[in-house]
Amino acid sequence: MTILITEPKDYSEKALAIYKSLGRVYFYPELSAKKRKSVLEKTDIVAIGLSIQIDKKFVDKMPNLKIIASPATGMNHIDISYLKSKGIKLISLRGRKGFLRKVPSTAEETFALILALVRNIPWSFDYVKNGGWNRLEWRGHQLMDKTIGLLGFGRLGRIVARYAKAFNMKVIACDPNVSGVFMKSRGVVKVEVEELFKKSDIVSLHVLLTDKTQNLVKEKHLKSMKPSAYLINTARAELIEKGILEKALKNKWIAGAGVDVMRDEKGDGSHLKNNPLLDYAKKNKNLIILPHIGGATFEAMEATQDYIAELVRNFVSKSKK
């Protein structure tokens, strides 16, 4: 078999060994244009990251493709319906609840964004680098007794709730798939989505992007927030109606935002060109944009690469029987 790895930098040695046990492994970025064409034509398995759009154009270059292996839960960079039409197996982390409980990286990043925003950390550091030392310029807010609203109370929402409790915050959450009784057992109050946006000092999104959740957060929601409140999005940008976050910031409906995701993300950063959200961030000191690094820790990436490689090996083994 031929296995292609699209993001080989610091790739897990254990995962590599598993793939090499299945066949010959190639690293996509290291292939010349001529070599890349020939390798793609015989590729059976692609182990992807987030940098390449797995669309019809890319898939059609691999007539022998049988498996796409993705160490992620998000699917908006993958044309799932086209894979199904071609009979290509998609192996991902979505639904792997037992394993995912041991991967808190995105939840940790959520709190990093919260703290950075409420304490003005990025901008006060820039100020110091330019020779400033007036602390009163950068007064922020403490988290104790503030209310954090979690839109989505699955794995990541529950981890963030635990972290918030450690800061003596009040936690409310909205999730139609989780009962109020269960939330109460975690010290969390279940509310409807409208109440969540109105009452929260910080709203954090932890919802999987699907056809049903696309544009889940609308203008009316951000407009109803406290002008002192913050929005955090480490899930997917498409959960929020296009252009609404920029509008909320410009009109001061909210105090600020921290996002790890943007619409139509491209691995080469081309989505940043003339991007209104980035333009706003360059001119203001209340928006943090990160390059989708939620799961990008050495520990999380190694663990997920190993886990996905094992799933691929098991699938290949069963397919041969």
C-alpha atoms as a PDB file:
ATOM      1  CA  MET A   1       0.000   0.000   0.000  1.00  0.00           C
ATOM      2  CA  THR A   2       1.005   3.628  -0.485  1.00  0.00           C
ATOM      3  CA  ILE A   3       0.464   6.040   2.408  1.00  0.00           C
ATOM      4  CA  LEU A   4       0.695   9.813   2.057  1.00  0.00           C
ATOM      5  CA  ILE A   5       1.151  12.105   5.079  1.00  0.00           C
ATOM      6  CA  THR A   6       0.218  15.728   4.394  1.00  0.00           C
ATOM      7  CA  GLU A   7       1.673  17.345   7.566  1.00  0.00           C
ATOM      8  CA  PRO A   8       4.804  15.360   8.507  1.00  0.00           C
ATOM      9  CA  LYS A   9       6.539  17.926  10.759  1.00  0.00           C
ATOM     10  CA  ASP A  10       7.298  16.352  14.171  1.00  0.00           C
ATOM     11  CA  TYR A  11       5.091  13.400  13.241  1.00  0.00           C
ATOM     12  CA  SER A  12       4.744  10.685  15.867  1.00  0.00           C
ATOM     13  CA  GLU A  13       7.354   7.953  15.475  1.00  0.00           C
ATOM     14  CA  LYS A  14       4.865   5.364  16.684  1.00  0.00           C
ATOM     15  CA  ALA A  15       2.270   6.420  14.101  1.00  0.00           C
ATOM     16  CA  LEU A  16       4.909   6.431  11.358  1.00  0.00           C
ATOM     17  CA  ALA A  17       5.946   2.907  12.315  1.00  0.00           C
ATOM     18  CA  ILE A  18       2.330   1.758  12.050  1.00  0.00           C
ATOM     19  CA  TYR A  19       1.916   3.273   8.588  1.00  0.00           C
ATOM     20  CA  LYS A  20       5.253   1.824   7.439  1.00  0.00           C
ATOM     21  CA  SER A  21       4.038  -1.598   8.534  1.00  0.00           C
ATOM     22  CA  LEU A  22       1.200  -1.185   6.026  1.00  0.00           C
ATOM     23  CA  GLY A  23       3.263  -0.025   3.074  1.00  0.00           C
ATOM     24  CA  ARG A  24       5.457   2.744   1.707  1.00  0.00           C
ATOM     25  CA  VAL A  25       5.106   6.177   3.312  1.00  0.00           C
ATOM     26  CA  TYR A  26       5.569   9.509   1.529  1.00  0.00           C
ATOM     27  CA  PHE A  27       5.581  13.035   2.947  1.00  0.00           C
ATOM     28  CA  TYR A  28       3.463  15.320   0.761  1.00  0.00           C
ATOM     29  CA  PRO A  29       5.460  18.576   1.242  1.00  0.00           C
ATOM     30  CA  GLU A  30       8.732  16.854   0.354  1.00  0.00           C
ATOM     31  CA  LEU A  31       7.575  15.579  -3.039  1.00  0.00           C
ATOM     32  CA  SER A  32       8.570  17.400  -6.205  1.00  0.00           C
ATOM     33  CA  ALA A  33       5.755  18.352  -8.569  1.00  0.00           C
ATOM     34  CA  LYS A  34       6.624  15.449 -10.874  1.00  0.00           C
ATOM     35  CA  LYS A  35       6.982  12.919  -8.053  1.00  0.00           C
ATOM     36  CA  ARG A  36       3.843  14.190  -6.329  1.00  0.00           C
ATOM     37  CA  LYS A  37       1.692  13.352  -9.359  1.00  0.00           C
ATOM     38  CA  SER A  38       2.947   9.767  -9.558  1.00  0.00           C
ATOM     39  CA  VAL A  39       2.611   9.201  -5.797  1.00  0.00           C
ATOM     40  CA  LEU A  40      -0.924  10.593  -5.707  1.00  0.00           C
ATOM     41  CA  GLU A  41      -1.970   8.273  -8.516  1.00  0.00           C
ATOM     42  CA  LYS A  42      -1.066   5.195  -6.455  1.00  0.00           C
ATOM     43  CA  THR A  43      -1.978   6.466  -2.961  1.00  0.00           C
ATOM     44  CA  ASP A  44      -4.230   4.173  -0.929  1.00  0.00           C
ATOM     45  CA  ILE A  45      -4.268   6.075   2.384  1.00  0.00           C
ATOM     46  CA  VAL A  46      -3.931   9.794   3.155  1.00  0.00           C
ATOM     47  CA  ALA A  47      -3.182  10.882   6.725  1.00  0.00           C
ATOM     48  CA  ILE A  48      -4.249  14.512   6.740  1.00  0.00           C
ATOM     49  CA  GLY A  49      -4.090  17.534   9.030  1.00  0.00           C
ATOM     50  CA  LEU A  50      -5.956  20.809   8.592  1.00  0.00           C
ATOM     51  CA  SER A  51      -3.784  22.483   5.963  1.00  0.00           C
ATOM     52  CA  ILE A  52      -5.274  20.893   2.826  1.00  0.00           C
ATOM     53  CA  GLN A  53      -8.857  21.033   1.596  1.00  0.00           C
ATOM     54  CA  ILE A  54      -9.995  17.471   0.952  1.00  0.00           C
ATOM     55  CA  ASP A  55     -12.310  18.327  -1.908  1.00  0.00           C
ATOM     56  CA  LYS A  56     -13.230  16.787  -5.252  1.00  0.00           C
ATOM     57  CA  LYS A  57     -10.196  18.333  -6.979  1.00  0.00           C
ATOM     58  CA  PHE A  58      -7.761  16.825  -4.457  1.00  0.00           C
ATOM     59  CA  VAL A  59      -9.501  13.444  -4.185  1.00  0.00           C
ATOM     60  CA  ASP A  60      -9.695  12.995  -7.974  1.00  0.00           C
ATOM     61  CA  LYS A  61      -5.906  13.083  -8.127  1.00  0.00           C
ATOM     62  CA  MET A  62      -5.918   9.764  -6.210  1.00  0.00           C
ATOM     63  CA  PRO A  63      -7.869   7.163  -8.221  1.00  0.00           C
ATOM     64  CA  ASN A  64      -6.692   4.389  -5.880  1.00  0.00           C
ATOM     65  CA  LEU A  65      -7.640   6.160  -2.635  1.00  0.00           C
ATOM     66  CA  LYS A  66      -9.365   3.981  -0.045  1.00  0.00           C
ATOM     67  CA  ILE A  67      -8.929   5.767   3.311  1.00  0.00           C
ATOM     68  CA  ILE A  68      -8.730   9.359   4.579  1.00  0.00           C
ATOM     69  CA  ALA A  69      -7.331   9.461   8.134  1.00  0.00           C
ATOM     70  CA  SER A  70      -8.035  12.683  10.043  1.00  0.00           C
ATOM     71  CA  PRO A  71      -6.836  13.307  13.628  1.00  0.00           C
ATOM     72  CA  ALA A  72      -9.618  15.847  14.235  1.00  0.00           C
ATOM     73  CA  THR A  73     -13.312  16.124  15.044  1.00  0.00           C
ATOM     74  CA  GLY A  74     -14.027  19.043  12.684  1.00  0.00           C
ATOM     75  CA  MET A  75     -14.985  18.150   9.121  1.00  0.00           C
ATOM     76  CA  ASN A  76     -15.492  21.463   7.324  1.00  0.00           C
ATOM     77  CA  HIS A  77     -12.259  20.991   5.355  1.00  0.00           C
ATOM     78  CA  ILE A  78     -13.446  17.619   4.049  1.00  0.00           C
ATOM     79  CA  ASP A  79     -16.064  16.979   1.356  1.00  0.00           C
ATOM     80  CA  ILE A  80     -17.689  14.079   3.172  1.00  0.00           C
ATOM     81  CA  SER A  81     -20.467  13.534   0.641  1.00  0.00           C
ATOM     82  CA  TYR A  82     -17.958  13.196  -2.176  1.00  0.00           C
ATOM     83  CA  LEU A  83     -15.912  10.673  -0.194  1.00  0.00           C
ATOM     84  CA  LYS A  84     -19.069   8.636   0.346  1.00  0.00           C
ATOM     85  CA  SER A  85     -19.917   8.754  -3.358  1.00  0.00           C
ATOM     86  CA  LYS A  86     -16.458   7.378  -4.135  1.00  0.00           C
ATOM     87  CA  GLY A  87     -16.625   4.684  -1.450  1.00  0.00           C
ATOM     88  CA  ILE A  88     -13.675   6.192   0.451  1.00  0.00           C
ATOM     89  CA  LYS A  89     -13.545   5.446   4.178  1.00  0.00           C
ATOM     90  CA  LEU A  90     -13.149   8.463   6.481  1.00  0.00           C
ATOM     91  CA  ILE A  91     -11.501   7.654   9.805  1.00  0.00           C
ATOM     92  CA  SER A  92     -11.557  10.565  12.256  1.00  0.00           C
ATOM     93  CA  LEU A  93     -11.841  11.474  15.933  1.00  0.00           C
ATOM     94  CA  ARG A  94     -15.500  12.411  15.734  1.00  0.00           C
ATOM     95  CA  GLY A  95     -17.482  10.348  18.203  1.00  0.00           C
ATOM     96  CA  ARG A  96     -14.392   8.810  19.857  1.00  0.00           C
ATOM     97  CA  LYS A  97     -15.530   9.955  23.301  1.00  0.00           C
ATOM     98  CA  GLY A  98     -13.419   7.618  25.391  1.00  0.00           C
ATOM     99  CA  PHE A  99     -10.192   8.708  23.753  1.00  0.00           C
ATOM    100  CA  LEU A 100     -11.079  12.394  23.485  1.00  0.00           C
ATOM    101  CA  ARG A 101     -11.624  12.755  27.229  1.00  0.00           C
ATOM    102  CA  LYS A 102      -7.848  12.518  27.542  1.00  0.00           C
ATOM    103  CA  VAL A 103      -7.221  15.408  25.116  1.00  0.00           C
ATOM    104  CA  PRO A 104      -7.907  18.767  26.869  1.00  0.00           C
ATOM    105  CA  SER A 105      -5.720  20.999  24.673  1.00  0.00           C
ATOM    106  CA  THR A 106      -8.536  23.031  23.093  1.00  0.00           C
ATOM    107  CA  ALA A 107     -10.229  23.549  26.456  1.00  0.00           C
ATOM    108  CA  GLU A 108      -6.931  24.797  27.888  1.00  0.00           C
ATOM    109  CA  GLU A 109      -6.572  27.170  24.943  1.00  0.00           C
ATOM    110  CA  THR A 110     -10.090  28.454  25.578  1.00  0.00           C
ATOM    111  CA  PHE A 111      -9.029  29.563  29.035  1.00  0.00           C
ATOM    112  CA  ALA A 112      -5.800  31.016  27.699  1.00  0.00           C
ATOM    113  CA  LEU A 113      -7.891  33.230  25.405  1.00  0.00           C
ATOM    114  CA  ILE A 114     -10.233  34.207  28.234  1.00  0.00           C
ATOM    115  CA  LEU A 115      -7.367  35.261  30.495  1.00  0.00           C
ATOM    116  CA  ALA A 116      -5.531  37.047  27.694  1.00  0.00           C
ATOM    117  CA  LEU A 117      -8.631  39.079  26.895  1.00  0.00           C
ATOM    118  CA  VAL A 118      -9.840  40.027  30.358  1.00  0.00           C
ATOM    119  CA  ARG A 119      -6.310  40.968  31.500  1.00  0.00           C
ATOM    120  CA  ASN A 120      -5.190  42.689  28.255  1.00  0.00           C
ATOM    121  CA  ILE A 121      -2.114  40.468  28.121  1.00  0.00           C
ATOM    122  CA  PRO A 122      -1.167  40.701  24.399  1.00  0.00           C
ATOM    123  CA  TRP A 123      -1.454  44.493  24.243  1.00  0.00           C
ATOM    124  CA  SER A 124       0.185  45.226  27.591  1.00  0.00           C
ATOM    125  CA  PHE A 125       3.143  43.078  26.503  1.00  0.00           C
ATOM    126  CA  ASP A 126       3.405  45.080  23.263  1.00  0.00           C
ATOM    127  CA  TYR A 127       3.307  48.220  25.427  1.00  0.00           C
ATOM    128  CA  VAL A 128       6.223  46.995  27.562  1.00  0.00           C
ATOM    129  CA  LYS A 129       8.234  46.064  24.464  1.00  0.00           C
ATOM    130  CA  ASN A 130       7.879  49.697  23.404  1.00  0.00           C
ATOM    131  CA  GLY A 131       9.191  50.933  26.752  1.00  0.00           C
ATOM    132  CA  GLY A 132       5.941  51.528  28.657  1.00  0.00           C
ATOM    133  CA  TRP A 133       5.364  50.685  32.311  1.00  0.00           C
ATOM    134  CA  ASN A 134       2.103  52.348  33.421  1.00  0.00           C
ATOM    135  CA  ARG A 135       0.008  49.504  34.789  1.00  0.00           C
ATOM    136  CA  LEU A 136      -3.134  51.625  35.071  1.00  0.00           C
ATOM    137  CA  GLU A 137      -3.265  51.766  31.277  1.00  0.00           C
ATOM    138  CA  TRP A 138      -4.032  48.059  31.240  1.00  0.00           C
ATOM    139  CA  ARG A 139      -6.441  47.392  34.061  1.00  0.00           C
ATOM    140  CA  GLY A 140      -8.525  44.300  33.378  1.00  0.00           C
ATOM    141  CA  HIS A 141     -11.102  42.189  35.139  1.00  0.00           C
ATOM    142  CA  GLN A 142     -10.979  39.266  37.527  1.00  0.00           C
ATOM    143  CA  LEU A 143     -12.942  36.117  36.780  1.00  0.00           C
ATOM    144  CA  MET A 144     -14.273  35.365  40.265  1.00  0.00           C
ATOM    145  CA  ASP A 145     -18.081  35.702  40.416  1.00  0.00           C
ATOM    146  CA  LYS A 146     -18.328  36.312  36.674  1.00  0.00           C
ATOM    147  CA  THR A 147     -20.728  34.144  34.627  1.00  0.00           C
ATOM    148  CA  ILE A 148     -19.424  32.024  31.787  1.00  0.00           C
ATOM    149  CA  GLY A 149     -21.975  30.707  29.309  1.00  0.00           C
ATOM    150  CA  LEU A 150     -21.095  27.558  27.409  1.00  0.00           C
ATOM    151  CA  LEU A 151     -22.868  27.044  24.102  1.00  0.00           C
ATOM    152  CA  GLY A 152     -22.449  23.292  23.879  1.00  0.00           C
ATOM    153  CA  PHE A 153     -21.864  21.029  26.878  1.00  0.00           C
ATOM    154  CA  GLY A 154     -20.077  18.082  25.351  1.00  0.00           C
ATOM    155  CA  ARG A 155     -16.512  17.006  26.091  1.00  0.00           C
ATOM    156  CA  LEU A 156     -14.846  20.413  25.768  1.00  0.00           C
ATOM    157  CA  GLY A 157     -17.683  22.347  27.368  1.00  0.00           C
ATOM    158  CA  ARG A 158     -17.496  20.105  30.426  1.00  0.00           C
ATOM    159  CA  ILE A 159     -13.734  20.530  30.752  1.00  0.00           C
ATOM    160  CA  VAL A 160     -14.037  24.324  30.446  1.00  0.00           C
ATOM    161  CA  ALA A 161     -16.766  24.233  33.117  1.00  0.00           C
ATOM    162  CA  ARG A 162     -14.335  22.514  35.508  1.00  0.00           C
ATOM    163  CA  TYR A 163     -11.679  25.128  34.830  1.00  0.00           C
ATOM    164  CA  ALA A 164     -14.211  27.931  35.358  1.00  0.00           C
ATOM    165  CA  LYS A 165     -15.232  26.443  38.705  1.00  0.00           C
ATOM    166  CA  ALA A 166     -11.588  26.584  39.793  1.00  0.00           C
ATOM    167  CA  PHE A 167     -11.760  30.357  39.183  1.00  0.00           C
ATOM    168  CA  ASN A 168     -14.971  30.568  41.270  1.00  0.00           C
ATOM    169  CA  MET A 169     -17.050  31.487  38.242  1.00  0.00           C
ATOM    170  CA  LYS A 170     -20.752  30.836  37.793  1.00  0.00           C
ATOM    171  CA  VAL A 171     -21.362  28.441  34.911  1.00  0.00           C
ATOM    172  CA  ILE A 172     -24.447  28.260  32.705  1.00  0.00           C
ATOM    173  CA  ALA A 173     -24.813  26.174  29.569  1.00  0.00           C
ATOM    174  CA  CYS A 174     -27.097  25.511  26.637  1.00  0.00           C
ATOM    175  CA  ASP A 175     -27.156  22.132  24.933  1.00  0.00           C
ATOM    176  CA  PRO A 176     -30.351  20.405  23.720  1.00  0.00           C
ATOM    177  CA  ASN A 177     -28.640  17.031  23.971  1.00  0.00           C
ATOM    178  CA  VAL A 178     -27.706  17.304  27.652  1.00  0.00           C
ATOM    179  CA  SER A 179     -30.228  17.253  30.495  1.00  0.00           C
ATOM    180  CA  GLY A 180     -30.528  19.876  33.176  1.00  0.00           C
ATOM    181  CA  VAL A 181     -30.150  17.134  35.779  1.00  0.00           C
ATOM    182  CA  PHE A 182     -26.758  16.142  34.373  1.00  0.00           C
ATOM    183  CA  MET A 183     -25.610  19.764  34.182  1.00  0.00           C
ATOM    184  CA  LYS A 184     -26.709  20.325  37.783  1.00  0.00           C
ATOM    185  CA  SER A 185     -24.584  17.342  38.851  1.00  0.00           C
ATOM    186  CA  ARG A 186     -21.622  19.261  37.411  1.00  0.00           C
ATOM    187  CA  GLY A 187     -22.575  22.494  39.190  1.00  0.00           C
ATOM    188  CA  VAL A 188     -23.886  24.027  35.963  1.00  0.00           C
ATOM    189  CA  VAL A 189     -27.276  25.659  35.329  1.00  0.00           C
ATOM    190  CA  LYS A 190     -29.047  24.770  32.090  1.00  0.00           C
ATOM    191  CA  VAL A 191     -30.518  27.734  30.193  1.00  0.00           C
ATOM    192  CA  GLU A 192     -31.983  28.500  26.787  1.00  0.00           C
ATOM    193  CA  VAL A 193     -29.741  30.082  24.174  1.00  0.00           C
ATOM    194  CA  GLU A 194     -31.270  33.567  24.498  1.00  0.00           C
ATOM    195  CA  GLU A 195     -30.714  33.619  28.265  1.00  0.00           C
ATOM    196  CA  LEU A 196     -27.160  32.376  27.854  1.00  0.00           C
ATOM    197  CA  PHE A 197     -26.156  35.315  25.676  1.00  0.00           C
ATOM    198  CA  LYS A 198     -27.969  37.877  27.846  1.00  0.00           C
ATOM    199  CA  LYS A 199     -26.626  36.721  31.227  1.00  0.00           C
ATOM    200  CA  SER A 200     -23.041  35.741  30.455  1.00  0.00           C
ATOM    201  CA  ASP A 201     -19.943  37.840  31.040  1.00  0.00           C
ATOM    202  CA  ILE A 202     -18.119  35.413  28.761  1.00  0.00           C
ATOM    203  CA  VAL A 203     -19.733  33.217  26.092  1.00  0.00           C
ATOM    204  CA  SER A 204     -17.650  30.299  24.815  1.00  0.00           C
ATOM    205  CA  LEU A 205     -18.634  28.172  21.823  1.00  0.00           C
ATOM    206  CA  HIS A 206     -18.181  24.379  22.006  1.00  0.00           C
ATOM    207  CA  VAL A 207     -20.460  23.086  19.246  1.00  0.00           C
ATOM    208  CA  LEU A 208     -19.603  20.740  16.392  1.00  0.00           C
ATOM    209  CA  LEU A 209     -20.156  22.332  13.000  1.00  0.00           C
ATOM    210  CA  THR A 210     -22.888  20.543  11.046  1.00  0.00           C
ATOM    211  CA  ASP A 211     -25.544  21.613   8.543  1.00  0.00           C
ATOM    212  CA  LYS A 212     -27.859  22.218  11.518  1.00  0.00           C
ATOM    213  CA  THR A 213     -25.413  24.319  13.555  1.00  0.00           C
ATOM    214  CA  GLN A 214     -24.037  26.453  10.717  1.00  0.00           C
ATOM    215  CA  ASN A 215     -24.899  30.130  11.451  1.00  0.00           C
ATOM    216  CA  LEU A 216     -26.218  29.075  14.863  1.00  0.00           C
ATOM    217  CA  VAL A 217     -25.103  32.366  16.436  1.00  0.00           C
ATOM    218  CA  LYS A 218     -27.013  35.247  14.907  1.00  0.00           C
ATOM    219  CA  GLU A 219     -26.922  39.030  15.111  1.00  0.00           C
ATOM    220  CA  LYS A 220     -29.712  39.087  17.704  1.00  0.00           C
ATOM    221  CA  HIS A 221     -27.604  36.944  20.037  1.00  0.00           C
ATOM    222  CA  LEU A 222     -24.522  39.162  19.973  1.00  0.00           C
ATOM    223  CA  LYS A 223     -26.667  42.282  20.150  1.00  0.00           C
ATOM    224  CA  SER A 224     -28.279  40.962  23.344  1.00  0.00           C
ATOM    225  CA  MET A 225     -24.955  40.456  25.127  1.00  0.00           C
ATOM    226  CA  LYS A 226     -23.693  42.770  27.851  1.00  0.00           C
ATOM    227  CA  PRO A 227     -21.448  45.502  26.410  1.00  0.00           C
ATOM    228  CA  SER A 228     -18.872  44.357  28.970  1.00  0.00           C
ATOM    229  CA  ALA A 229     -18.994  40.716  27.810  1.00  0.00           C
ATOM    230  CA  TYR A 230     -16.541  38.699  25.728  1.00  0.00           C
ATOM    231  CA  LEU A 231     -17.028  36.020  23.065  1.00  0.00           C
ATOM    232  CA  ILE A 232     -14.666  33.045  22.689  1.00  0.00           C
ATOM    233  CA  ASN A 233     -14.718  30.729  19.671  1.00  0.00           C
ATOM    234  CA  THR A 234     -12.362  27.756  19.539  1.00  0.00           C
ATOM    235  CA  ALA A 235     -14.881  25.623  17.607  1.00  0.00           C
ATOM    236  CA  ARG A 236     -15.570  26.770  14.029  1.00  0.00           C
ATOM    237  CA  ALA A 237     -16.062  30.251  12.572  1.00  0.00           C
ATOM    238  CA  GLU A 238     -19.060  29.113  10.530  1.00  0.00           C
ATOM    239  CA  LEU A 239     -21.066  28.720  13.736  1.00  0.00           C
ATOM    240  CA  ILE A 240     -21.440  32.516  13.655  1.00  0.00           C
ATOM    241  CA  GLU A 241     -23.294  34.304  10.867  1.00  0.00           C
ATOM    242  CA  LYS A 242     -20.864  35.890   8.441  1.00  0.00           C
ATOM    243  CA  GLY A 243     -19.839  39.433   9.317  1.00  0.00           C
ATOM    244  CA  ILE A 244     -21.697  39.531  12.626  1.00  0.00           C
ATOM    245  CA  LEU A 245     -18.661  39.326  14.902  1.00  0.00           C
ATOM    246  CA  GLU A 246     -17.000  42.301  13.181  1.00  0.00           C
ATOM    247  CA  LYS A 247     -20.279  44.207  13.481  1.00  0.00           C
ATOM    248  CA  ALA A 248     -20.589  43.409  17.178  1.00  0.00           C
ATOM    249  CA  LEU A 249     -17.061  44.642  17.873  1.00  0.00           C
ATOM    250  CA  LYS A 250     -17.353  47.811  15.794  1.00  0.00           C
ATOM    251  CA  ASN A 251     -20.697  48.732  17.358  1.00  0.00           C
ATOM    252  CA  LYS A 252     -19.428  47.870  20.858  1.00  0.00           C
ATOM    253  CA  TRP A 253     -22.195  45.349  21.478  1.00  0.00           C
ATOM    254  CA  ILE A 254     -19.457  43.318  23.205  1.00  0.00           C
ATOM    255  CA  ALA A 255     -16.179  44.250  24.899  1.00  0.00           C
ATOM    256  CA  GLY A 256     -13.995  41.893  22.893  1.00  0.00           C
ATOM    257  CA  ALA A 257     -13.454  38.464  21.403  1.00  0.00           C
ATOM    258  CA  GLY A 258     -10.893  35.691  21.141  1.00  0.00           C
ATOM    259  CA  VAL A 259     -11.044  33.302  18.188  1.00  0.00           C
ATOM    260  CA  ASP A 260      -8.927  30.361  17.086  1.00  0.00           C
ATOM    261  CA  VAL A 261     -10.849  29.860  13.856  1.00  0.00           C
ATOM    262  CA  MET A 262     -11.797  31.854  10.750  1.00  0.00           C
ATOM    263  CA  ARG A 263     -14.109  31.339   7.816  1.00  0.00           C
ATOM    264  CA  ASP A 264     -12.784  29.484   4.773  1.00  0.00           C
ATOM    265  CA  GLU A 265      -9.446  28.706   6.402  1.00  0.00           C
ATOM    266  CA  LYS A 266      -6.579  27.806   4.091  1.00  0.00           C
ATOM    267  CA  GLY A 267      -3.314  26.233   5.198  1.00  0.00           C
ATOM    268  CA  ASP A 268      -1.299  28.872   3.327  1.00  0.00           C
ATOM    269  CA  GLY A 269      -3.084  31.731   5.080  1.00  0.00           C
ATOM    270  CA  SER A 270      -4.604  33.069   1.846  1.00  0.00           C
ATOM    271  CA  HIS A 271      -7.955  33.489   3.636  1.00  0.00           C
ATOM    272  CA  LEU A 272      -6.382  36.368   5.587  1.00  0.00           C
ATOM    273  CA  LYS A 273      -6.029  38.610   2.538  1.00  0.00           C
ATOM    274  CA  ASN A 274      -8.384  41.599   2.844  1.00  0.00           C
ATOM    275  CA  ASN A 275     -10.103  39.876   5.764  1.00  0.00           C
ATOM    276  CA  PRO A 276     -12.265  42.393   7.670  1.00  0.00           C
ATOM    277  CA  LEU A 277     -11.836  40.581  10.989  1.00  0.00           C
ATOM    278  CA  LEU A 278      -8.053  40.679  10.724  1.00  0.00           C
ATOM    279  CA  ASP A 279      -8.164  44.317   9.617  1.00  0.00           C
ATOM    280  CA  TYR A 280     -10.155  45.109  12.753  1.00  0.00           C
ATOM    281  CA  ALA A 281      -7.680  43.237  14.981  1.00  0.00           C
ATOM    282  CA  LYS A 282      -4.757  45.221  13.575  1.00  0.00           C
ATOM    283  CA  LYS A 283      -6.375  48.513  14.564  1.00  0.00           C
ATOM    284  CA  ASN A 284      -7.960  47.588  17.902  1.00  0.00           C
ATOM    285  CA  LYS A 285      -6.991  46.074  21.233  1.00  0.00           C
ATOM    286  CA  ASN A 286      -9.917  43.810  22.013  1.00  0.00           C
ATOM    287  CA  LEU A 287      -9.691  41.002  19.452  1.00  0.00           C
ATOM    288  CA  ILE A 288      -7.281  38.062  19.515  1.00  0.00           C
ATOM    289  CA  ILE A 289      -7.022  35.796  16.466  1.00  0.00           C
ATOM    290  CA  LEU A 290      -4.991  32.590  16.645  1.00  0.00           C
ATOM    291  CA  PRO A 291      -4.116  30.266  13.706  1.00  0.00           C
ATOM    292  CA  HIS A 292      -6.282  27.292  14.732  1.00  0.00           C
ATOM    293  CA  ILE A 293      -3.859  26.067  17.404  1.00  0.00           C
ATOM    294  CA  GLY A 294      -6.447  24.610  19.787  1.00  0.00           C
ATOM    295  CA  GLY A 295      -5.327  21.025  19.321  1.00  0.00           C
ATOM    296  CA  ALA A 296      -1.788  21.914  18.302  1.00  0.00           C
ATOM    297  CA  THR A 297       0.130  20.733  21.337  1.00  0.00           C
ATOM    298  CA  PHE A 298       2.907  18.181  21.086  1.00  0.00           C
ATOM    299  CA  GLU A 299       1.056  15.873  23.480  1.00  0.00           C
ATOM    300  CA  ALA A 300      -2.323  16.086  21.739  1.00  0.00           C
ATOM    301  CA  MET A 301      -0.923  15.731  18.226  1.00  0.00           C
ATOM    302  CA  GLU A 302       1.204  12.723  19.118  1.00  0.00           C
ATOM    303  CA  ALA A 303      -1.687  11.013  20.923  1.00  0.00           C
ATOM    304  CA  THR A 304      -4.180  11.653  18.121  1.00  0.00           C
ATOM    305  CA  GLN A 305      -1.765  10.597  15.375  1.00  0.00           C
ATOM    306  CA  ASP A 306      -1.066   7.346  17.234  1.00  0.00           C
ATOM    307  CA  TYR A 307      -4.753   6.691  17.839  1.00  0.00           C
ATOM    308  CA  ILE A 308      -5.796   7.342  14.230  1.00  0.00           C
ATOM    309  CA  ALA A 309      -2.937   5.203  12.897  1.00  0.00           C
ATOM    310  CA  GLU A 310      -4.114   2.327  15.094  1.00  0.00           C
ATOM    311  CA  LEU A 311      -7.661   2.740  13.768  1.00  0.00           C
ATOM    312  CA  VAL A 312      -6.356   2.685  10.196  1.00  0.00           C
ATOM    313  CA  ARG A 313      -4.323  -0.462  10.837  1.00  0.00           C
ATOM    314  CA  ASN A 314      -7.360  -2.177  12.420  1.00  0.00           C
ATOM    315  CA  PHE A 315      -9.580  -1.187   9.478  1.00  0.00           C
ATOM    316  CA  VAL A 316      -7.037  -2.453   6.928  1.00  0.00           C
ATOM    317  CA  SER A 317      -6.628  -5.691   8.864  1.00  0.00           C
ATOM    318  CA  LYS A 318     -10.382  -6.320   8.964  1.00  0.00           C
ATOM    319  CA  SER A 319     -10.740  -5.443   5.283  1.00  0.00           C
ATOM    320  CA  LYS A 320      -8.294  -8.195   4.355  1.00  0.00           C
ATOM    321  CA  LYS A 321     -10.285 -10.900   6.138  1.00  0.00           C
END
